PDB file of N, CA and C in Angstrom:
ATOM      1  N   UNK A   1     251.477 168.129 146.946  1.00  0.00           N
ATOM      2  CA  UNK A   1     249.920 167.642 147.049  1.00  0.00           C
ATOM      3  C   UNK A   1     249.791 167.217 148.414  1.00  0.00           C
ATOM      4  N   UNK A   2     250.762 166.844 149.124  1.00  0.00           N
ATOM      5  CA  UNK A   2     250.587 166.071 150.351  1.00  0.00           C
ATOM      6  C   UNK A   2     250.302 167.539 151.585  1.00  0.00           C
ATOM      7  N   UNK A   3     251.069 168.420 150.977  1.00  0.00           N
ATOM      8  CA  UNK A   3     250.686 169.660 151.842  1.00  0.00           C
ATOM      9  C   UNK A   3     249.280 170.309 151.922  1.00  0.00           C
ATOM     10  N   UNK A   4     248.655 170.130 150.630  1.00  0.00           N
ATOM     11  CA  UNK A   4     247.439 170.729 150.489  1.00  0.00           C
ATOM     12  C   UNK A   4     246.339 169.611 151.199  1.00  0.00           C
ATOM     13  N   UNK A   5     246.617 168.426 150.947  1.00  0.00           N
ATOM     14  CA  UNK A   5     245.859 167.619 151.864  1.00  0.00           C
ATOM     15  C   UNK A   5     245.895 167.635 153.305  1.00  0.00           C
ATOM     16  N   UNK A   6     247.179 167.993 153.798  1.00  0.00           N
ATOM     17  CA  UNK A   6     247.698 168.093 155.288  1.00  0.00           C
ATOM     18  C   UNK A   6     246.630 169.487 155.612  1.00  0.00           C
ATOM     19  N   UNK A   7     246.819 170.672 154.751  1.00  0.00           N
ATOM     20  CA  UNK A   7     246.068 171.999 155.200  1.00  0.00           C
ATOM     21  C   UNK A   7     244.646 171.563 155.135  1.00  0.00           C
ATOM     22  N   UNK A   8     244.092 170.801 154.318  1.00  0.00           N
ATOM     23  CA  UNK A   8     242.642 170.738 153.999  1.00  0.00           C
ATOM     24  C   UNK A   8     242.332 169.927 155.294  1.00  0.00           C
ATOM     25  N   UNK A   9     242.905 168.827 155.829  1.00  0.00           N
ATOM     26  CA  UNK A   9     242.308 168.223 156.982  1.00  0.00           C
ATOM     27  C   UNK A   9     242.508 168.985 158.047  1.00  0.00           C
ATOM     28  N   UNK A  10     243.593 169.816 158.362  1.00  0.00           N
ATOM     29  CA  UNK A  10     243.793 170.723 159.649  1.00  0.00           C
ATOM     30  C   UNK A  10     242.856 171.754 159.650  1.00  0.00           C
ATOM     31  N   UNK A  11     242.488 172.304 158.443  1.00  0.00           N
ATOM     32  CA  UNK A  11     241.345 173.596 158.496  1.00  0.00           C
ATOM     33  C   UNK A  11     239.892 172.671 158.782  1.00  0.00           C
ATOM     34  N   UNK A  12     239.757 171.404 158.392  1.00  0.00           N
ATOM     35  CA  UNK A  12     238.282 171.072 158.671  1.00  0.00           C
ATOM     36  C   UNK A  12     238.286 170.724 160.370  1.00  0.00           C
ATOM     37  N   UNK A  13     239.649 170.065 160.662  1.00  0.00           N
ATOM     38  CA  UNK A  13     239.484 169.830 162.091  1.00  0.00           C
ATOM     39  C   UNK A  13     239.301 171.074 163.159  1.00  0.00           C
ATOM     40  N   UNK A  14     240.114 172.144 162.774  1.00  0.00           N
ATOM     41  CA  UNK A  14     240.019 173.225 163.232  1.00  0.00           C
ATOM     42  C   UNK A  14     238.579 173.718 163.231  1.00  0.00           C
ATOM     43  N   UNK A  15     237.811 173.417 162.279  1.00  0.00           N
ATOM     44  CA  UNK A  15     236.466 174.198 161.935  1.00  0.00           C
ATOM     45  C   UNK A  15     235.789 173.410 163.001  1.00  0.00           C
ATOM     46  N   UNK A  16     235.807 172.181 163.091  1.00  0.00           N
ATOM     47  CA  UNK A  16     234.987 171.395 163.844  1.00  0.00           C
ATOM     48  C   UNK A  16     235.132 171.345 165.182  1.00  0.00           C
ATOM     49  N   UNK A  17     236.550 171.689 165.871  1.00  0.00           N
ATOM     50  CA  UNK A  17     236.528 171.611 167.078  1.00  0.00           C
ATOM     51  C   UNK A  17     236.293 173.173 167.730  1.00  0.00           C
ATOM     52  N   UNK A  18     236.390 173.950 166.628  1.00  0.00           N
ATOM     53  CA  UNK A  18     236.188 175.456 167.274  1.00  0.00           C
ATOM     54  C   UNK A  18     234.635 175.540 167.404  1.00  0.00           C
ATOM     55  N   UNK A  19     233.873 175.054 166.484  1.00  0.00           N
ATOM     56  CA  UNK A  19     232.274 175.085 166.386  1.00  0.00           C
ATOM     57  C   UNK A  19     231.788 174.362 167.627  1.00  0.00           C
ATOM     58  N   UNK A  20     232.546 173.106 168.043  1.00  0.00           N
ATOM     59  CA  UNK A  20     232.146 172.412 169.235  1.00  0.00           C
ATOM     60  C   UNK A  20     232.292 172.910 170.345  1.00  0.00           C
ATOM     61  N   UNK A  21     233.190 174.100 170.617  1.00  0.00           N
ATOM     62  CA  UNK A  21     233.615 174.743 171.777  1.00  0.00           C
ATOM     63  C   UNK A  21     232.703 176.235 171.608  1.00  0.00           C
ATOM     64  N   UNK A  22     232.316 176.479 170.879  1.00  0.00           N
ATOM     65  CA  UNK A  22     231.567 177.983 170.686  1.00  0.00           C
ATOM     66  C   UNK A  22     230.028 177.585 171.610  1.00  0.00           C
ATOM     67  N   UNK A  23     229.804 178.600 172.217  1.00  0.00           N
ATOM     68  CA  UNK A  23     228.599 178.789 173.130  1.00  0.00           C
ATOM     69  C   UNK A  23     227.677 179.274 172.414  1.00  0.00           C
ATOM     70  N   UNK A  24     226.452 178.999 172.550  1.00  0.00           N
ATOM     71  CA  UNK A  24     225.253 179.479 171.835  1.00  0.00           C
ATOM     72  C   UNK A  24     224.911 180.697 172.561  1.00  0.00           C
ATOM     73  N   UNK A  25     224.542 181.716 171.493  1.00  0.00           N
ATOM     74  CA  UNK A  25     224.369 183.108 171.916  1.00  0.00           C
ATOM     75  C   UNK A  25     222.887 183.298 172.520  1.00  0.00           C
ATOM     76  N   UNK A  26     222.709 183.973 173.501  1.00  0.00           N
ATOM     77  CA  UNK A  26     221.438 184.121 174.362  1.00  0.00           C
ATOM     78  C   UNK A  26     220.811 185.341 173.498  1.00  0.00           C
ATOM     79  N   UNK A  27     221.649 186.388 173.016  1.00  0.00           N
ATOM     80  CA  UNK A  27     221.265 187.682 172.546  1.00  0.00           C
ATOM     81  C   UNK A  27     220.233 187.640 171.520  1.00  0.00           C
ATOM     82  N   UNK A  28     219.452 188.282 171.388  1.00  0.00           N
ATOM     83  CA  UNK A  28     218.210 188.396 170.359  1.00  0.00           C
ATOM     84  C   UNK A  28     218.769 189.244 169.004  1.00  0.00           C
ATOM     85  N   UNK A  29     219.443 190.318 169.481  1.00  0.00           N
ATOM     86  CA  UNK A  29     219.852 191.125 168.345  1.00  0.00           C
ATOM     87  C   UNK A  29     220.800 190.466 167.326  1.00  0.00           C
ATOM     88  N   UNK A  30     220.454 190.893 166.216  1.00  0.00           N
ATOM     89  CA  UNK A  30     221.097 190.544 165.164  1.00  0.00           C
ATOM     90  C   UNK A  30     222.392 191.276 164.647  1.00  0.00           C
ATOM     91  N   UNK A  31     223.560 190.872 164.534  1.00  0.00           N
ATOM     92  CA  UNK A  31     224.733 191.490 164.532  1.00  0.00           C
ATOM     93  C   UNK A  31     224.482 191.777 162.870  1.00  0.00           C
ATOM     94  N   UNK A  32     225.610 192.757 162.515  1.00  0.00           N
ATOM     95  CA  UNK A  32     225.596 193.436 161.151  1.00  0.00           C
ATOM     96  C   UNK A  32     226.099 192.405 160.222  1.00  0.00           C
ATOM     97  N   UNK A  33     225.950 192.482 158.924  1.00  0.00           N
ATOM     98  CA  UNK A  33     226.478 191.485 158.254  1.00  0.00           C
ATOM     99  C   UNK A  33     227.889 191.396 158.126  1.00  0.00           C
ATOM    100  N   UNK A  34     228.940 192.359 158.212  1.00  0.00           N
ATOM    101  CA  UNK A  34     230.297 192.143 158.411  1.00  0.00           C
ATOM    102  C   UNK A  34     230.704 191.499 159.557  1.00  0.00           C
ATOM    103  N   UNK A  35     229.838 191.808 160.784  1.00  0.00           N
ATOM    104  CA  UNK A  35     230.185 190.942 161.967  1.00  0.00           C
ATOM    105  C   UNK A  35     229.766 189.383 161.800  1.00  0.00           C
ATOM    106  N   UNK A  36     228.540 189.312 161.300  1.00  0.00           N
ATOM    107  CA  UNK A  36     228.308 187.721 160.738  1.00  0.00           C
ATOM    108  C   UNK A  36     229.315 186.926 159.857  1.00  0.00           C
ATOM    109  N   UNK A  37     229.958 187.745 158.897  1.00  0.00           N
ATOM    110  CA  UNK A  37     231.027 187.159 158.020  1.00  0.00           C
ATOM    111  C   UNK A  37     232.283 186.829 158.668  1.00  0.00           C
ATOM    112  N   UNK A  38     232.649 187.652 159.439  1.00  0.00           N
ATOM    113  CA  UNK A  38     234.189 187.787 159.816  1.00  0.00           C
ATOM    114  C   UNK A  38     234.225 187.724 161.132  1.00  0.00           C
ATOM    115  N   UNK A  39     233.557 187.766 162.110  1.00  0.00           N
ATOM    116  CA  UNK A  39     233.566 187.528 163.451  1.00  0.00           C
ATOM    117  C   UNK A  39     233.861 186.182 163.961  1.00  0.00           C
ATOM    118  N   UNK A  40     234.651 185.432 164.548  1.00  0.00           N
ATOM    119  CA  UNK A  40     234.763 184.238 164.474  1.00  0.00           C
ATOM    120  C   UNK A  40     233.631 183.861 165.868  1.00  0.00           C
ATOM    121  N   UNK A  41     233.336 184.697 166.919  1.00  0.00           N
ATOM    122  CA  UNK A  41     232.502 184.143 167.996  1.00  0.00           C
ATOM    123  C   UNK A  41     230.998 184.755 167.799  1.00  0.00           C
ATOM    124  N   UNK A  42     231.048 185.945 167.246  1.00  0.00           N
ATOM    125  CA  UNK A  42     229.499 186.810 167.303  1.00  0.00           C
ATOM    126  C   UNK A  42     229.001 186.357 165.931  1.00  0.00           C
ATOM    127  N   UNK A  43     229.603 185.891 164.969  1.00  0.00           N
ATOM    128  CA  UNK A  43     229.164 185.400 163.833  1.00  0.00           C
ATOM    129  C   UNK A  43     229.596 184.360 163.327  1.00  0.00           C
ATOM    130  N   UNK A  44     229.712 184.069 161.928  1.00  0.00           N
ATOM    131  CA  UNK A  44     230.334 182.662 161.033  1.00  0.00           C
ATOM    132  C   UNK A  44     231.698 183.058 160.445  1.00  0.00           C
ATOM    133  N   UNK A  45     232.424 183.699 161.378  1.00  0.00           N
ATOM    134  CA  UNK A  45     233.681 183.979 160.859  1.00  0.00           C
ATOM    135  C   UNK A  45     234.595 182.626 160.765  1.00  0.00           C
ATOM    136  N   UNK A  46     234.228 181.985 161.628  1.00  0.00           N
ATOM    137  CA  UNK A  46     235.480 180.846 161.612  1.00  0.00           C
ATOM    138  C   UNK A  46     234.765 179.858 160.469  1.00  0.00           C
ATOM    139  N   UNK A  47     233.621 179.993 160.050  1.00  0.00           N
ATOM    140  CA  UNK A  47     233.163 179.296 158.677  1.00  0.00           C
ATOM    141  C   UNK A  47     233.501 179.846 157.424  1.00  0.00           C
ATOM    142  N   UNK A  48     233.706 181.246 157.611  1.00  0.00           N
ATOM    143  CA  UNK A  48     234.005 181.932 156.402  1.00  0.00           C
ATOM    144  C   UNK A  48     235.672 181.616 156.130  1.00  0.00           C
ATOM    145  N   UNK A  49     236.383 181.845 157.125  1.00  0.00           N
ATOM    146  CA  UNK A  49     237.900 181.831 157.199  1.00  0.00           C
ATOM    147  C   UNK A  49     238.382 180.317 156.538  1.00  0.00           C
ATOM    148  N   UNK A  50     237.671 179.265 157.472  1.00  0.00           N
ATOM    149  CA  UNK A  50     237.922 177.888 157.396  1.00  0.00           C
ATOM    150  C   UNK A  50     237.276 177.424 155.825  1.00  0.00           C
ATOM    151  N   UNK A  51     236.470 177.988 155.507  1.00  0.00           N
ATOM    152  CA  UNK A  51     235.733 177.744 154.160  1.00  0.00           C
ATOM    153  C   UNK A  51     236.444 177.993 153.055  1.00  0.00           C
ATOM    154  N   UNK A  52     237.261 179.261 153.175  1.00  0.00           N
ATOM    155  CA  UNK A  52     238.243 179.677 152.003  1.00  0.00           C
ATOM    156  C   UNK A  52     239.473 178.975 152.324  1.00  0.00           C
ATOM    157  N   UNK A  53     239.883 178.423 153.380  1.00  0.00           N
ATOM    158  CA  UNK A  53     241.025 177.710 153.466  1.00  0.00           C
ATOM    159  C   UNK A  53     240.748 176.241 152.757  1.00  0.00           C
ATOM    160  N   UNK A  54     239.677 175.848 152.893  1.00  0.00           N
ATOM    161  CA  UNK A  54     239.332 174.477 152.525  1.00  0.00           C
ATOM    162  C   UNK A  54     239.063 174.538 150.842  1.00  0.00           C
ATOM    163  N   UNK A  55     238.284 175.501 150.377  1.00  0.00           N
ATOM    164  CA  UNK A  55     238.047 175.599 149.124  1.00  0.00           C
ATOM    165  C   UNK A  55     239.685 175.732 148.158  1.00  0.00           C
ATOM    166  N   UNK A  56     240.269 176.742 148.846  1.00  0.00           N
ATOM    167  CA  UNK A  56     241.910 176.845 147.978  1.00  0.00           C
ATOM    168  C   UNK A  56     242.576 175.576 148.092  1.00  0.00           C
ATOM    169  N   UNK A  57     242.610 174.894 149.152  1.00  0.00           N
ATOM    170  CA  UNK A  57     243.308 173.663 149.177  1.00  0.00           C
ATOM    171  C   UNK A  57     242.691 172.949 148.377  1.00  0.00           C
ATOM    172  N   UNK A  58     241.308 172.543 148.227  1.00  0.00           N
ATOM    173  CA  UNK A  58     240.704 171.610 147.386  1.00  0.00           C
ATOM    174  C   UNK A  58     241.211 172.003 145.797  1.00  0.00           C
ATOM    175  N   UNK A  59     241.075 173.175 145.553  1.00  0.00           N
ATOM    176  CA  UNK A  59     241.373 173.593 144.044  1.00  0.00           C
ATOM    177  C   UNK A  59     242.874 173.248 143.824  1.00  0.00           C
ATOM    178  N   UNK A  60     243.656 173.472 144.675  1.00  0.00           N
ATOM    179  CA  UNK A  60     245.158 173.296 144.478  1.00  0.00           C
ATOM    180  C   UNK A  60     245.264 171.404 144.297  1.00  0.00           C
ATOM    181  N   UNK A  61     244.561 170.778 145.281  1.00  0.00           N
ATOM    182  CA  UNK A  61     244.920 169.310 144.978  1.00  0.00           C
ATOM    183  C   UNK A  61     244.097 168.710 143.524  1.00  0.00           C
ATOM    184  N   UNK A  62     242.993 169.399 143.269  1.00  0.00           N
ATOM    185  CA  UNK A  62     242.549 169.135 141.786  1.00  0.00           C
ATOM    186  C   UNK A  62     243.232 169.723 140.874  1.00  0.00           C
ATOM    187  N   UNK A  63     243.875 170.584 140.949  1.00  0.00           N
ATOM    188  CA  UNK A  63     244.814 171.063 139.979  1.00  0.00           C
ATOM    189  C   UNK A  63     246.224 170.278 139.625  1.00  0.00           C
ATOM    190  N   UNK A  64     246.694 170.026 140.832  1.00  0.00           N
ATOM    191  CA  UNK A  64     247.729 168.866 140.810  1.00  0.00           C
ATOM    192  C   UNK A  64     247.291 167.487 140.094  1.00  0.00           C
ATOM    193  N   UNK A  65     246.176 167.072 140.702  1.00  0.00           N
ATOM    194  CA  UNK A  65     245.889 165.890 140.245  1.00  0.00           C
ATOM    195  C   UNK A  65     245.747 165.928 138.479  1.00  0.00           C
ATOM    196  N   UNK A  66     244.929 167.154 138.057  1.00  0.00           N
ATOM    197  CA  UNK A  66     244.950 167.183 136.584  1.00  0.00           C
ATOM    198  C   UNK A  66     246.331 166.935 135.819  1.00  0.00           C
ATOM    199  N   UNK A  67     247.211 167.948 136.473  1.00  0.00           N
ATOM    200  CA  UNK A  67     248.614 167.872 135.854  1.00  0.00           C
ATOM    201  C   UNK A  67     249.373 166.469 136.074  1.00  0.00           C
ATOM    202  N   UNK A  68     248.926 165.768 136.922  1.00  0.00           N
ATOM    203  CA  UNK A  68     249.540 164.417 137.088  1.00  0.00           C
ATOM    204  C   UNK A  68     248.859 163.697 136.039  1.00  0.00           C
ATOM    205  N   UNK A  69     247.781 163.767 135.574  1.00  0.00           N
ATOM    206  CA  UNK A  69     246.941 162.979 134.753  1.00  0.00           C
ATOM    207  C   UNK A  69     247.485 163.346 133.151  1.00  0.00           C
ATOM    208  N   UNK A  70     247.429 164.704 133.031  1.00  0.00           N
ATOM    209  CA  UNK A  70     248.393 165.425 131.648  1.00  0.00           C
ATOM    210  C   UNK A  70     249.492 164.854 131.574  1.00  0.00           C
ATOM    211  N   UNK A  71     250.154 164.495 132.628  1.00  0.00           N
ATOM    212  CA  UNK A  71     251.546 164.175 132.532  1.00  0.00           C
ATOM    213  C   UNK A  71     251.937 162.564 131.817  1.00  0.00           C
ATOM    214  N   UNK A  72     250.730 161.971 132.374  1.00  0.00           N
ATOM    215  CA  UNK A  72     250.648 160.499 132.126  1.00  0.00           C
ATOM    216  C   UNK A  72     250.085 160.356 130.595  1.00  0.00           C
ATOM    217  N   UNK A  73     249.193 161.220 130.079  1.00  0.00           N
ATOM    218  CA  UNK A  73     248.840 161.005 128.714  1.00  0.00           C
ATOM    219  C   UNK A  73     249.392 162.205 127.872  1.00  0.00           C
TER     220      UNK A  73
END
């Protein structure tokens, strides 16, 4: 479970640091849906990738906590 907590904190930290370094785009054209989802600088790809990592690690932490509670009772 410690590994999943470390992965969760690392993904959140990387997401925050990457978002702070990202420059605001001056372009008025709207990128396509695939670019918006998966490209880390032209769209929201960093949110998609880190969001998946955060959701998966949170689900692993919750499932391990449920197993611990189930083992106690």
